Amino acid sequence: TLQDVPAGHKIAARFIAKGEAVRKY
């Protein structure tokens, strides 16, 4: 983790390029 992450929040699991879709479920 690169920053503190509150409970229920998300982190990038891999590199995500600018403009790329963010996918959950």
PDB file of all heavy atoms in Angstrom:
ATOM      1  N   THR A   1       0.840  -1.201   0.000  1.00  0.00           N
ATOM      2  CA  THR A   1       0.000   0.000   0.000  1.00  0.00           C
ATOM      3  C   THR A   1       0.873   1.248   0.000  1.00  0.00           C
ATOM      4  O   THR A   1       1.842   1.346   0.757  1.00  0.00           O
ATOM      5  CB  THR A   1      -0.940   0.020   1.215  1.00  0.00           C
ATOM      6  OG1 THR A   1      -0.167  -0.080   2.412  1.00  0.00           O
ATOM      7  CG2 THR A   1      -1.927  -1.143   1.173  1.00  0.00           C
ATOM      8  N   LEU A   2       0.511   2.218  -0.834  1.00  0.00           N
ATOM      9  CA  LEU A   2       1.292   3.444  -0.973  1.00  0.00           C
ATOM     10  C   LEU A   2       0.760   4.570  -0.105  1.00  0.00           C
ATOM     11  O   LEU A   2       1.471   5.546   0.126  1.00  0.00           O
ATOM     12  CB  LEU A   2       1.307   3.883  -2.443  1.00  0.00           C
ATOM     13  CG  LEU A   2       1.873   2.868  -3.433  1.00  0.00           C
ATOM     14  CD1 LEU A   2       1.859   3.444  -4.837  1.00  0.00           C
ATOM     15  CD2 LEU A   2       3.278   2.447  -3.034  1.00  0.00           C
ATOM     16  N   GLN A   3      -0.467   4.467   0.353  1.00  0.00           N
ATOM     17  CA  GLN A   3      -1.073   5.455   1.254  1.00  0.00           C
ATOM     18  C   GLN A   3      -1.883   4.717   2.320  1.00  0.00           C
ATOM     19  O   GLN A   3      -2.155   3.517   2.193  1.00  0.00           O
ATOM     20  CB  GLN A   3      -2.022   6.409   0.488  1.00  0.00           C
ATOM     21  CG  GLN A   3      -1.368   7.275  -0.578  1.00  0.00           C
ATOM     22  CD  GLN A   3      -1.327   6.583  -1.931  1.00  0.00           C
ATOM     23  OE1 GLN A   3      -2.075   5.649  -2.198  1.00  0.00           O
ATOM     24  NE2 GLN A   3      -0.428   7.046  -2.789  1.00  0.00           N
ATOM     25  N   ASP A   4      -2.264   5.447   3.376  1.00  0.00           N
ATOM     26  CA  ASP A   4      -3.215   4.885   4.331  1.00  0.00           C
ATOM     27  C   ASP A   4      -4.537   4.628   3.601  1.00  0.00           C
ATOM     28  O   ASP A   4      -4.974   5.450   2.783  1.00  0.00           O
ATOM     29  CB  ASP A   4      -3.454   5.839   5.489  1.00  0.00           C
ATOM     30  CG  ASP A   4      -2.236   6.006   6.390  1.00  0.00           C
ATOM     31  OD1 ASP A   4      -1.323   5.153   6.320  1.00  0.00           O
ATOM     32  OD2 ASP A   4      -2.207   6.994   7.150  1.00  0.00           O
ATOM     33  N   VAL A   5      -5.184   3.506   3.931  1.00  0.00           N
ATOM     34  CA  VAL A   5      -6.431   3.137   3.255  1.00  0.00           C
ATOM     35  C   VAL A   5      -7.517   2.906   4.307  1.00  0.00           C
ATOM     36  O   VAL A   5      -7.390   1.994   5.132  1.00  0.00           O
ATOM     37  CB  VAL A   5      -6.254   1.861   2.404  1.00  0.00           C
ATOM     38  CG1 VAL A   5      -7.533   1.560   1.626  1.00  0.00           C
ATOM     39  CG2 VAL A   5      -5.067   1.992   1.468  1.00  0.00           C
ATOM     40  N   PRO A   6      -8.585   3.726   4.331  1.00  0.00           N
ATOM     41  CA  PRO A   6      -9.662   3.499   5.299  1.00  0.00           C
ATOM     42  C   PRO A   6     -10.402   2.198   5.009  1.00  0.00           C
ATOM     43  O   PRO A   6     -10.406   1.707   3.873  1.00  0.00           O
ATOM     44  CB  PRO A   6     -10.586   4.710   5.086  1.00  0.00           C
ATOM     45  CG  PRO A   6      -9.760   5.722   4.359  1.00  0.00           C
ATOM     46  CD  PRO A   6      -8.800   4.936   3.528  1.00  0.00           C
ATOM     47  N   ALA A   7     -11.036   1.655   6.014  1.00  0.00           N
ATOM     48  CA  ALA A   7     -11.843   0.447   5.841  1.00  0.00           C
ATOM     49  C   ALA A   7     -12.935   0.698   4.811  1.00  0.00           C
ATOM     50  O   ALA A   7     -13.579   1.741   4.803  1.00  0.00           O
ATOM     51  CB  ALA A   7     -12.460   0.035   7.174  1.00  0.00           C
ATOM     52  N   GLY A   8     -13.128  -0.274   3.922  1.00  0.00           N
ATOM     53  CA  GLY A   8     -14.160  -0.167   2.897  1.00  0.00           C
ATOM     54  C   GLY A   8     -13.691   0.522   1.628  1.00  0.00           C
ATOM     55  O   GLY A   8     -14.423   0.551   0.641  1.00  0.00           O
ATOM     56  N   HIS A   9     -12.485   1.082   1.642  1.00  0.00           N
ATOM     57  CA  HIS A   9     -11.942   1.753   0.464  1.00  0.00           C
ATOM     58  C   HIS A   9     -11.106   0.775  -0.368  1.00  0.00           C
ATOM     59  O   HIS A   9     -10.890  -0.373   0.027  1.00  0.00           O
ATOM     60  CB  HIS A   9     -11.111   2.962   0.880  1.00  0.00           C
ATOM     61  CG  HIS A   9     -11.934   4.103   1.396  1.00  0.00           C
ATOM     62  ND1 HIS A   9     -11.864   5.375   0.868  1.00  0.00           N
ATOM     63  CD2 HIS A   9     -12.848   4.173   2.402  1.00  0.00           C
ATOM     64  CE1 HIS A   9     -12.688   6.180   1.510  1.00  0.00           C
ATOM     65  NE2 HIS A   9     -13.291   5.469   2.456  1.00  0.00           N
ATOM     66  N   LYS A  10     -10.613   1.218  -1.498  1.00  0.00           N
ATOM     67  CA  LYS A  10      -9.986   0.352  -2.491  1.00  0.00           C
ATOM     68  C   LYS A  10      -8.532   0.748  -2.750  1.00  0.00           C
ATOM     69  O   LYS A  10      -8.155   1.913  -2.549  1.00  0.00           O
ATOM     70  CB  LYS A  10     -10.754   0.445  -3.818  1.00  0.00           C
ATOM     71  CG  LYS A  10     -12.211   0.063  -3.719  1.00  0.00           C
ATOM     72  CD  LYS A  10     -13.003   0.514  -4.916  1.00  0.00           C
ATOM     73  CE  LYS A  10     -13.166   2.036  -4.966  1.00  0.00           C
ATOM     74  NZ  LYS A  10     -13.893   2.594  -3.830  1.00  0.00           N
ATOM     75  N   ILE A  11      -7.733  -0.222  -3.223  1.00  0.00           N
ATOM     76  CA  ILE A  11      -6.404   0.071  -3.775  1.00  0.00           C
ATOM     77  C   ILE A  11      -6.315  -0.564  -5.157  1.00  0.00           C
ATOM     78  O   ILE A  11      -7.052  -1.508  -5.488  1.00  0.00           O
ATOM     79  CB  ILE A  11      -5.252  -0.458  -2.896  1.00  0.00           C
ATOM     80  CG1 ILE A  11      -5.313  -1.993  -2.781  1.00  0.00           C
ATOM     81  CG2 ILE A  11      -5.247   0.204  -1.533  1.00  0.00           C
ATOM     82  CD1 ILE A  11      -4.039  -2.611  -2.221  1.00  0.00           C
ATOM     83  N   ALA A  12      -5.402  -0.034  -5.963  1.00  0.00           N
ATOM     84  CA  ALA A  12      -5.114  -0.642  -7.261  1.00  0.00           C
ATOM     85  C   ALA A  12      -4.367  -1.949  -7.039  1.00  0.00           C
ATOM     86  O   ALA A  12      -3.352  -1.983  -6.345  1.00  0.00           O
ATOM     87  CB  ALA A  12      -4.288   0.303  -8.114  1.00  0.00           C
ATOM     88  N   ALA A  13      -4.882  -3.015  -7.627  1.00  0.00           N
ATOM     89  CA  ALA A  13      -4.236  -4.320  -7.473  1.00  0.00           C
ATOM     90  C   ALA A  13      -3.152  -4.542  -8.521  1.00  0.00           C
ATOM     91  O   ALA A  13      -2.375  -5.496  -8.410  1.00  0.00           O
ATOM     92  CB  ALA A  13      -5.282  -5.428  -7.567  1.00  0.00           C
ATOM     93  N   ARG A  14      -3.102  -3.684  -9.510  1.00  0.00           N
ATOM     94  CA  ARG A  14      -2.062  -3.726 -10.541  1.00  0.00           C
ATOM     95  C   ARG A  14      -1.965  -2.326 -11.139  1.00  0.00           C
ATOM     96  O   ARG A  14      -2.729  -1.422 -10.757  1.00  0.00           O
ATOM     97  CB  ARG A  14      -2.397  -4.758 -11.618  1.00  0.00           C
ATOM     98  CG  ARG A  14      -3.704  -4.476 -12.367  1.00  0.00           C
ATOM     99  CD  ARG A  14      -3.814  -5.338 -13.612  1.00  0.00           C
ATOM    100  NE  ARG A  14      -5.064  -5.172 -14.318  1.00  0.00           N
ATOM    101  CZ  ARG A  14      -5.371  -4.142 -15.110  1.00  0.00           C
ATOM    102  NH1 ARG A  14      -4.498  -3.140 -15.278  1.00  0.00           N
ATOM    103  NH2 ARG A  14      -6.532  -4.093 -15.736  1.00  0.00           N
ATOM    104  N   PHE A  15      -1.058  -2.113 -12.066  1.00  0.00           N
ATOM    105  CA  PHE A  15      -0.961  -0.818 -12.742  1.00  0.00           C
ATOM    106  C   PHE A  15      -2.234  -0.564 -13.545  1.00  0.00           C
ATOM    107  O   PHE A  15      -2.701  -1.439 -14.289  1.00  0.00           O
ATOM    108  CB  PHE A  15       0.251  -0.792 -13.669  1.00  0.00           C
ATOM    109  CG  PHE A  15       0.353   0.478 -14.465  1.00  0.00           C
ATOM    110  CD1 PHE A  15       0.831   1.650 -13.878  1.00  0.00           C
ATOM    111  CD2 PHE A  15      -0.059   0.514 -15.792  1.00  0.00           C
ATOM    112  CE1 PHE A  15       0.914   2.822 -14.616  1.00  0.00           C
ATOM    113  CE2 PHE A  15       0.033   1.681 -16.532  1.00  0.00           C
ATOM    114  CZ  PHE A  15       0.514   2.844 -15.932  1.00  0.00           C
ATOM    115  N   ILE A  16      -2.811   0.636 -13.382  1.00  0.00           N
ATOM    116  CA  ILE A  16      -4.010   1.026 -14.125  1.00  0.00           C
ATOM    117  C   ILE A  16      -3.667   2.306 -14.889  1.00  0.00           C
ATOM    118  O   ILE A  16      -3.308   3.332 -14.296  1.00  0.00           O
ATOM    119  CB  ILE A  16      -5.203   1.272 -13.195  1.00  0.00           C
ATOM    120  CG1 ILE A  16      -5.494   0.032 -12.330  1.00  0.00           C
ATOM    121  CG2 ILE A  16      -6.445   1.645 -14.004  1.00  0.00           C
ATOM    122  CD1 ILE A  16      -6.592   0.229 -11.291  1.00  0.00           C
ATOM    123  N   ALA A  17      -3.757   2.246 -16.199  1.00  0.00           N
ATOM    124  CA  ALA A  17      -3.381   3.383 -17.035  1.00  0.00           C
ATOM    125  C   ALA A  17      -4.457   4.453 -17.018  1.00  0.00           C
ATOM    126  O   ALA A  17      -5.646   4.161 -16.832  1.00  0.00           O
ATOM    127  CB  ALA A  17      -3.134   2.921 -18.469  1.00  0.00           C
ATOM    128  N   LYS A  18      -4.026   5.709 -17.228  1.00  0.00           N
ATOM    129  CA  LYS A  18      -4.972   6.816 -17.306  1.00  0.00           C
ATOM    130  C   LYS A  18      -6.036   6.518 -18.362  1.00  0.00           C
ATOM    131  O   LYS A  18      -5.725   6.122 -19.483  1.00  0.00           O
ATOM    132  CB  LYS A  18      -4.228   8.108 -17.660  1.00  0.00           C
ATOM    133  CG  LYS A  18      -5.134   9.329 -17.753  1.00  0.00           C
ATOM    134  CD  LYS A  18      -4.347  10.588 -18.064  1.00  0.00           C
ATOM    135  CE  LYS A  18      -5.266  11.804 -18.154  1.00  0.00           C
ATOM    136  NZ  LYS A  18      -4.498  13.052 -18.435  1.00  0.00           N
ATOM    137  N   GLY A  19      -7.311   6.697 -17.982  1.00  0.00           N
ATOM    138  CA  GLY A  19      -8.425   6.439 -18.887  1.00  0.00           C
ATOM    139  C   GLY A  19      -8.920   5.015 -18.888  1.00  0.00           C
ATOM    140  O   GLY A  19      -9.982   4.720 -19.461  1.00  0.00           O
ATOM    141  N   GLU A  20      -8.197   4.105 -18.248  1.00  0.00           N
ATOM    142  CA  GLU A  20      -8.606   2.700 -18.208  1.00  0.00           C
ATOM    143  C   GLU A  20      -9.780   2.522 -17.264  1.00  0.00           C
ATOM    144  O   GLU A  20      -9.900   3.194 -16.241  1.00  0.00           O
ATOM    145  CB  GLU A  20      -7.431   1.832 -17.762  1.00  0.00           C
ATOM    146  CG  GLU A  20      -7.727   0.336 -17.781  1.00  0.00           C
ATOM    147  CD  GLU A  20      -6.543  -0.508 -17.347  1.00  0.00           C
ATOM    148  OE1 GLU A  20      -5.420   0.049 -17.243  1.00  0.00           O
ATOM    149  OE2 GLU A  20      -6.734  -1.706 -17.100  1.00  0.00           O
ATOM    150  N   ALA A  21     -10.665   1.590 -17.587  1.00  0.00           N
ATOM    151  CA  ALA A  21     -11.813   1.307 -16.739  1.00  0.00           C
ATOM    152  C   ALA A  21     -11.366   0.718 -15.402  1.00  0.00           C
ATOM    153  O   ALA A  21     -10.478  -0.149 -15.360  1.00  0.00           O
ATOM    154  CB  ALA A  21     -12.762   0.340 -17.434  1.00  0.00           C
ATOM    155  N   VAL A  22     -11.968   1.190 -14.322  1.00  0.00           N
ATOM    156  CA  VAL A  22     -11.753   0.632 -12.994  1.00  0.00           C
ATOM    157  C   VAL A  22     -12.852  -0.396 -12.766  1.00  0.00           C
ATOM    158  O   VAL A  22     -14.040  -0.091 -12.885  1.00  0.00           O
ATOM    159  CB  VAL A  22     -11.801   1.734 -11.921  1.00  0.00           C
ATOM    160  CG1 VAL A  22     -11.615   1.139 -10.529  1.00  0.00           C
ATOM    161  CG2 VAL A  22     -10.743   2.794 -12.202  1.00  0.00           C
ATOM    162  N   ARG A  23     -12.461  -1.623 -12.410  1.00  0.00           N
ATOM    163  CA  ARG A  23     -13.424  -2.723 -12.340  1.00  0.00           C
ATOM    164  C   ARG A  23     -13.506  -3.276 -10.923  1.00  0.00           C
ATOM    165  O   ARG A  23     -12.500  -3.609 -10.303  1.00  0.00           O
ATOM    166  CB  ARG A  23     -13.046  -3.837 -13.316  1.00  0.00           C
ATOM    167  CG  ARG A  23     -12.885  -3.366 -14.764  1.00  0.00           C
ATOM    168  CD  ARG A  23     -12.748  -4.528 -15.723  1.00  0.00           C
ATOM    169  NE  ARG A  23     -14.035  -5.179 -15.944  1.00  0.00           N
ATOM    170  CZ  ARG A  23     -14.894  -4.817 -16.905  1.00  0.00           C
ATOM    171  NH1 ARG A  23     -14.599  -3.806 -17.712  1.00  0.00           N
ATOM    172  NH2 ARG A  23     -16.030  -5.460 -17.051  1.00  0.00           N
ATOM    173  N   LYS A  24     -14.748  -3.372 -10.435  1.00  0.00           N
ATOM    174  CA  LYS A  24     -15.062  -3.976  -9.142  1.00  0.00           C
ATOM    175  C   LYS A  24     -16.227  -4.921  -9.367  1.00  0.00           C
ATOM    176  O   LYS A  24     -17.217  -4.539  -9.999  1.00  0.00           O
ATOM    177  CB  LYS A  24     -15.421  -2.872  -8.129  1.00  0.00           C
ATOM    178  CG  LYS A  24     -15.839  -3.378  -6.757  1.00  0.00           C
ATOM    179  CD  LYS A  24     -16.196  -2.192  -5.858  1.00  0.00           C
ATOM    180  CE  LYS A  24     -16.707  -2.650  -4.503  1.00  0.00           C
ATOM    181  NZ  LYS A  24     -17.094  -1.496  -3.648  1.00  0.00           N
ATOM    182  N   TYR A  25     -16.151  -6.137  -8.850  1.00  0.00           N
ATOM    183  CA  TYR A  25     -17.144  -7.168  -9.178  1.00  0.00           C
ATOM    184  C   TYR A  25     -17.206  -7.367 -10.693  1.00  0.00           C
ATOM    185  O   TYR A  25     -18.256  -7.642 -11.255  1.00  0.00           O
ATOM    186  CB  TYR A  25     -18.538  -6.800  -8.652  1.00  0.00           C
ATOM    187  CG  TYR A  25     -18.873  -7.332  -7.287  1.00  0.00           C
ATOM    188  CD1 TYR A  25     -19.258  -6.470  -6.267  1.00  0.00           C
ATOM    189  CD2 TYR A  25     -18.844  -8.695  -7.010  1.00  0.00           C
ATOM    190  CE1 TYR A  25     -19.594  -6.945  -5.005  1.00  0.00           C
ATOM    191  CE2 TYR A  25     -19.185  -9.184  -5.760  1.00  0.00           C
ATOM    192  CZ  TYR A  25     -19.558  -8.299  -4.763  1.00  0.00           C
ATOM    193  OH  TYR A  25     -19.888  -8.781  -3.521  1.00  0.00           O
TER     194      TYR A  25
END
